Amino acid sequence: MGIGDTRLPMTLRLDDGTTVTSLSEPPQGTRHRVLFGTEEVSGREVVVKIELIPGALGPERLALEWLGSRDGPAPRLRAAGIVASAEHGGAACLITDRVGGEPPDSLDGWGRLGEALARLSEVEWRGCSLANMDHDAFLALHDRRVADLSRALDSDLSQELPPPPASYVDSPLSLAHGDPGPGNFLDDGATGTLIDWEDALICPRGLDLGRAMFIGLLGSGPAGYVARDPEARARAVRAGFFAASADRPLPDGDLAWWLGVAGVQFAHRRLERAGEPGVLPWLDAIEVLLRGE
């Protein structure tokens, strides 16, 4: 069997000898294959991620290695290497602890998501090898996305969006998850854990909060997820973030800007992938973007 095979293997072994048995298969993403299993030597329950698109797991490995030594809100990385067993042989692979929790389905859970994002924004990032987008690079990419969406809409979207606040140039850089939301946060009723770090980067602080708020307003999430009162969920994640970062608050005036940035990212990604299986209409994201909270 090769990298593209979908049959469930009996065991999986990495090139460093790490072996995982008792494999089962949870719901899948599109950039990797996920398996649950038991690490043979330790008996630890683990999650196995096998790369399906070359390079897709690179940022996640960097993020998990960095956060693991800094008590970040992420699963602990137990092994990383190349699959040596016949199934998916030659593919890059990560093995992490399997953590408890479920996608947040209450306002308290969304508040805990906000708290986790605030804690993440406090993790020291200097020296981390993740992609680093400074203020100028981040703003230039945002402007290009707005231009792409404007062409697709045949309308100048920039006139409908708030401009960058004056404080943007002085906002601190931080390590960002890049795609926080109910599908990537396991709420255990305590601190919870952020999972799926493929979009992690260093960028101006505020992106994660904007994205979590926007996905709350959008009402999307993992398979079978039902969003009730999306506006309240967006407010809850904001309240959790602000409560956990009271000593380094995000200026109130910045929030509308970051919500707009997140909406542009969602709409642009859907536009890029329009027509692919499971991709929702990009105009739905534009509607939420222009409506705001």
Protein backbone atom coordinates (compact mmCIF):
# COMPACT_ATOMS: atom_id res chain seq x y z
CA MET A 1 0.00 0.00 0.00
CA GLY A 2 1.17 3.55 -0.77
CA ILE A 3 0.52 7.03 0.56
CA GLY A 4 -2.88 7.31 -1.08
CA ASP A 5 -4.32 4.04 0.26
CA THR A 6 -7.38 4.20 2.51
CA ARG A 7 -7.48 0.69 4.03
CA LEU A 8 -6.95 0.64 7.80
CA PRO A 9 -3.49 -0.76 8.63
CA MET A 10 -3.00 -3.26 11.47
CA THR A 11 0.03 -1.43 12.88
CA LEU A 12 2.12 1.57 11.95
CA ARG A 13 5.88 1.93 12.46
CA LEU A 14 8.11 4.99 12.03
CA ASP A 15 11.73 4.99 10.91
CA ASP A 16 12.85 5.56 14.52
CA GLY A 17 11.15 2.34 15.61
CA THR A 18 8.05 3.92 17.19
CA THR A 19 5.17 1.49 16.68
CA VAL A 20 1.45 2.15 17.08
CA THR A 21 -1.10 -0.66 17.34
CA SER A 22 -4.88 -1.05 17.87
CA LEU A 23 -5.55 1.50 15.14
CA SER A 24 -8.94 3.07 14.48
CA GLU A 25 -10.05 5.85 12.17
CA PRO A 26 -11.89 9.03 13.29
CA PRO A 27 -13.42 11.61 10.88
CA GLN A 28 -10.83 12.77 8.35
CA GLY A 29 -9.44 16.04 7.02
CA THR A 30 -8.15 16.69 3.52
CA ARG A 31 -4.42 17.23 3.97
CA HIS A 32 -3.54 14.20 6.07
CA ARG A 33 -4.85 10.86 7.34
CA VAL A 34 -5.65 10.62 11.04
CA LEU A 35 -5.60 7.41 13.08
CA PHE A 36 -6.11 6.70 16.77
CA GLY A 37 -4.04 3.99 18.40
CA THR A 38 -1.82 2.80 21.23
CA GLU A 39 1.92 3.39 21.35
CA GLU A 40 3.35 -0.09 21.72
CA VAL A 41 6.11 0.52 24.30
CA SER A 42 4.42 3.03 26.61
CA GLY A 43 0.79 1.93 26.21
CA ARG A 44 -0.10 5.60 25.72
CA GLU A 45 -3.18 6.48 23.65
CA VAL A 46 -2.01 8.55 20.70
CA VAL A 47 -3.11 10.31 17.54
CA VAL A 48 -1.27 9.52 14.31
CA LYS A 49 -1.17 12.06 11.48
CA ILE A 50 0.08 10.83 8.11
CA GLU A 51 0.89 13.47 5.51
CA LEU A 52 -1.08 13.20 2.27
CA ILE A 53 0.05 16.52 0.73
CA PRO A 54 3.83 17.01 0.84
CA GLY A 55 4.81 19.71 3.33
CA ALA A 56 1.37 19.97 4.95
CA LEU A 57 2.56 18.75 8.35
CA GLY A 58 5.71 20.89 8.46
CA PRO A 59 4.21 23.87 10.32
CA GLU A 60 2.40 21.58 12.76
CA ARG A 61 5.61 19.79 13.68
CA LEU A 62 7.40 23.10 14.28
CA ALA A 63 4.52 24.43 16.38
CA LEU A 64 4.20 21.29 18.50
CA GLU A 65 7.94 21.06 19.10
CA TRP A 66 8.02 24.70 20.21
CA LEU A 67 4.89 24.58 22.38
CA GLY A 68 5.81 21.27 23.98
CA SER A 69 8.75 22.87 25.79
CA ARG A 70 6.68 25.89 26.82
CA ASP A 71 3.55 24.28 28.24
CA GLY A 72 1.46 25.64 25.37
CA PRO A 73 -2.22 24.70 24.87
CA ALA A 74 -1.42 21.89 22.42
CA PRO A 75 -1.04 18.07 22.49
CA ARG A 76 2.45 16.83 23.28
CA LEU A 77 4.43 15.55 20.31
CA ARG A 78 5.67 12.02 21.03
CA ALA A 79 7.34 11.11 17.74
CA ALA A 80 7.95 12.55 14.28
CA GLY A 81 9.46 10.88 11.28
CA ILE A 82 8.80 8.80 8.19
CA VAL A 83 6.43 5.85 8.00
CA ALA A 84 8.55 2.72 7.66
CA SER A 85 5.78 0.10 7.62
CA ALA A 86 4.20 -0.97 4.34
CA GLU A 87 1.05 1.08 4.82
CA HIS A 88 1.71 4.69 3.76
CA GLY A 89 5.43 3.90 3.55
CA GLY A 90 7.58 6.98 2.93
CA ALA A 91 5.03 9.52 4.21
CA ALA A 92 5.86 12.08 6.88
CA CYS A 93 4.10 11.35 10.16
CA LEU A 94 3.47 12.93 13.56
CA ILE A 95 2.39 11.08 16.71
CA THR A 96 0.88 13.09 19.57
CA ASP A 97 -0.89 12.42 22.83
CA ARG A 98 -4.60 11.78 22.45
CA VAL A 99 -6.24 14.39 24.67
CA GLY A 100 -9.74 14.42 26.09
CA GLY A 101 -12.53 16.84 25.35
CA GLU A 102 -15.16 17.67 22.75
CA PRO A 103 -15.83 20.61 20.43
CA PRO A 104 -17.30 23.44 22.54
CA ASP A 105 -21.10 23.36 22.49
CA SER A 106 -21.84 25.96 25.17
CA LEU A 107 -21.04 29.62 25.77
CA ASP A 108 -18.74 28.60 28.61
CA GLY A 109 -16.88 26.33 26.19
CA TRP A 110 -16.46 29.15 23.70
CA GLY A 111 -15.17 31.31 26.53
CA ARG A 112 -12.56 28.65 27.31
CA LEU A 113 -11.54 28.71 23.65
CA GLY A 114 -10.94 32.45 23.98
CA GLU A 115 -8.89 31.88 27.13
CA ALA A 116 -6.73 29.28 25.35
CA LEU A 117 -6.06 31.72 22.50
CA ALA A 118 -5.07 34.41 24.97
CA ARG A 119 -2.62 32.01 26.66
CA LEU A 120 -1.19 31.08 23.29
CA SER A 121 -0.61 34.74 22.43
CA GLU A 122 1.57 35.04 25.54
CA VAL A 123 3.94 32.21 24.54
CA GLU A 124 7.41 33.49 23.65
CA TRP A 125 7.85 33.19 19.87
CA ARG A 126 11.37 34.55 19.31
CA GLY A 127 13.56 31.76 18.02
CA CYS A 128 10.65 29.74 16.66
CA SER A 129 11.13 28.56 13.06
CA LEU A 130 7.50 29.02 11.98
CA ALA A 131 6.79 31.38 9.09
CA ASN A 132 7.01 34.96 10.34
CA MET A 133 4.73 37.57 8.79
CA ASP A 134 5.53 41.03 10.09
CA HIS A 135 3.07 43.91 9.96
CA ASP A 136 3.92 45.00 6.41
CA ALA A 137 3.85 41.47 4.95
CA PHE A 138 0.60 40.61 6.72
CA LEU A 139 -1.11 43.79 5.53
CA ALA A 140 0.12 43.31 1.95
CA LEU A 141 -1.33 39.77 1.85
CA HIS A 142 -4.64 41.04 3.26
CA ASP A 143 -4.81 43.76 0.60
CA ARG A 144 -4.18 41.20 -2.17
CA ARG A 145 -7.02 39.04 -0.88
CA VAL A 146 -9.37 42.03 -0.73
CA ALA A 147 -8.45 42.86 -4.34
CA ASP A 148 -9.14 39.26 -5.45
CA LEU A 149 -12.54 39.26 -3.76
CA SER A 150 -13.35 42.69 -5.19
CA ARG A 151 -12.74 41.39 -8.71
CA ALA A 152 -14.95 38.38 -8.07
CA LEU A 153 -17.70 40.62 -6.66
CA ASP A 154 -17.21 43.30 -9.35
CA SER A 155 -17.29 45.75 -6.45
CA ASP A 156 -14.67 47.49 -4.29
CA LEU A 157 -14.83 45.47 -1.10
CA SER A 158 -12.25 47.73 0.58
CA GLN A 159 -14.88 50.46 0.85
CA GLU A 160 -16.99 48.16 3.05
CA LEU A 161 -14.22 47.15 5.46
CA PRO A 162 -12.68 49.01 8.39
CA PRO A 163 -9.15 50.28 7.73
CA PRO A 164 -6.23 49.11 9.88
CA PRO A 165 -6.34 50.92 13.24
CA ALA A 166 -3.54 53.32 14.09
CA SER A 167 -2.41 50.89 16.78
CA TYR A 168 -1.84 48.12 14.20
CA VAL A 169 1.78 49.09 13.51
CA ASP A 170 2.58 48.79 17.20
CA SER A 171 0.67 45.57 17.89
CA PRO A 172 2.99 42.83 19.17
CA LEU A 173 3.80 39.78 17.11
CA SER A 174 2.70 36.47 18.57
CA LEU A 175 2.47 32.78 17.77
CA ALA A 176 -0.93 32.14 16.18
CA HIS A 177 -2.80 28.88 15.68
CA GLY A 178 -4.11 30.22 12.38
CA ASP A 179 -7.38 28.27 12.27
CA PRO A 180 -9.04 28.23 15.71
CA GLY A 181 -12.67 27.21 16.02
CA PRO A 182 -14.94 24.46 17.36
CA GLY A 183 -13.38 21.84 15.10
CA ASN A 184 -9.86 22.55 16.38
CA PHE A 185 -10.48 22.98 20.12
CA LEU A 186 -11.18 20.13 22.52
CA ASP A 187 -13.06 21.50 25.52
CA ASP A 188 -12.56 19.43 28.67
CA GLY A 189 -14.33 21.84 31.00
CA ALA A 190 -10.99 23.13 32.28
CA THR A 191 -8.31 24.63 30.04
CA GLY A 192 -8.91 22.64 26.85
CA THR A 193 -6.49 21.89 24.01
CA LEU A 194 -5.98 23.40 20.57
CA ILE A 195 -5.36 20.75 17.90
CA ASP A 196 -4.50 20.74 14.16
CA TRP A 197 -1.66 23.25 13.87
CA GLU A 198 -1.03 23.10 10.11
CA ASP A 199 -1.74 26.84 9.71
CA ALA A 200 0.40 28.03 12.63
CA LEU A 201 2.52 31.14 12.06
CA ILE A 202 4.01 34.21 13.69
CA CYS A 203 1.96 37.33 12.93
CA PRO A 204 0.50 40.46 14.56
CA ARG A 205 -1.55 39.59 17.64
CA GLY A 206 -5.30 39.51 17.03
CA LEU A 207 -5.64 37.08 14.12
CA ASP A 208 -6.71 34.08 16.21
CA LEU A 209 -9.36 36.04 18.11
CA GLY A 210 -10.74 37.49 14.87
CA ARG A 211 -10.92 34.07 13.24
CA ALA A 212 -12.56 32.41 16.26
CA MET A 213 -15.14 35.19 16.44
CA PHE A 214 -15.82 35.02 12.72
CA ILE A 215 -16.28 31.25 12.67
CA GLY A 216 -18.66 31.70 15.60
CA LEU A 217 -20.70 34.17 13.53
CA LEU A 218 -20.46 31.89 10.51
CA GLY A 219 -21.91 28.99 12.48
CA SER A 220 -19.67 26.34 10.94
CA GLY A 221 -17.78 23.52 12.64
CA PRO A 222 -17.03 19.78 12.53
CA ALA A 223 -19.38 17.24 10.98
CA GLY A 224 -22.73 17.20 12.74
CA TYR A 225 -21.99 20.46 14.55
CA VAL A 226 -24.95 22.76 15.11
CA ALA A 227 -24.35 26.41 16.01
CA ARG A 228 -27.03 28.00 18.16
CA ASP A 229 -27.01 31.76 18.73
CA PRO A 230 -23.78 32.40 16.76
CA GLU A 231 -23.58 36.05 17.86
CA ALA A 232 -23.52 34.98 21.52
CA ARG A 233 -20.74 32.51 20.77
CA ALA A 234 -18.65 35.21 19.13
CA ARG A 235 -19.14 37.42 22.18
CA ALA A 236 -18.22 34.54 24.50
CA VAL A 237 -14.90 33.81 22.80
CA ARG A 238 -14.10 37.52 22.86
CA ALA A 239 -14.95 37.74 26.58
CA GLY A 240 -12.76 34.72 27.34
CA PHE A 241 -9.83 36.18 25.41
CA PHE A 242 -10.12 39.58 27.08
CA ALA A 243 -10.52 38.09 30.56
CA ALA A 244 -7.39 35.96 30.17
CA SER A 245 -5.28 38.80 28.76
CA ALA A 246 -6.31 41.62 31.08
CA ASP A 247 -2.67 42.58 31.65
CA ARG A 248 -2.09 42.94 27.88
CA PRO A 249 -5.49 43.75 26.38
CA LEU A 250 -6.26 44.04 22.69
CA PRO A 251 -7.52 47.60 22.05
CA ASP A 252 -11.31 47.67 21.57
CA GLY A 253 -10.94 49.56 18.31
CA ASP A 254 -8.81 46.79 16.82
CA LEU A 255 -11.53 44.17 17.04
CA ALA A 256 -13.55 45.29 14.02
CA TRP A 257 -10.38 45.28 11.93
CA TRP A 258 -9.39 41.75 12.95
CA LEU A 259 -12.92 40.48 12.39
CA GLY A 260 -12.75 41.91 8.88
CA VAL A 261 -9.34 40.32 8.29
CA ALA A 262 -10.71 36.93 9.34
CA GLY A 263 -13.79 37.29 7.14
CA VAL A 264 -11.63 38.12 4.14
CA GLN A 265 -9.47 35.06 4.82
CA PHE A 266 -12.49 32.75 5.02
CA ALA A 267 -14.15 34.13 1.89
CA HIS A 268 -10.89 34.10 -0.08
CA ARG A 269 -10.08 30.51 0.86
CA ARG A 270 -13.55 29.38 -0.20
CA LEU A 271 -13.25 31.30 -3.46
CA GLU A 272 -9.90 29.62 -4.18
CA ARG A 273 -11.42 26.17 -3.55
CA ALA A 274 -14.83 26.78 -5.12
CA GLY A 275 -16.18 23.60 -6.70
CA GLU A 276 -14.18 21.22 -4.51
CA PRO A 277 -16.18 18.65 -2.51
CA GLY A 278 -17.37 19.99 0.83
CA VAL A 279 -16.40 23.61 0.18
CA LEU A 280 -19.22 25.96 1.20
CA PRO A 281 -20.25 29.00 -0.91
CA TRP A 282 -17.80 31.87 -0.57
CA LEU A 283 -20.60 34.40 -0.84
CA ASP A 284 -22.02 33.11 2.46
CA ALA A 285 -18.81 34.22 4.15
CA ILE A 286 -19.01 37.59 2.37
CA GLU A 287 -22.54 38.05 3.72
CA VAL A 288 -21.41 37.43 7.29
CA LEU A 289 -18.33 39.62 6.73
CA LEU A 290 -20.40 42.60 5.63
CA ARG A 291 -23.03 42.05 8.30
CA GLY A 292 -20.47 41.95 11.13
CA GLU A 293 -21.41 41.20 14.70
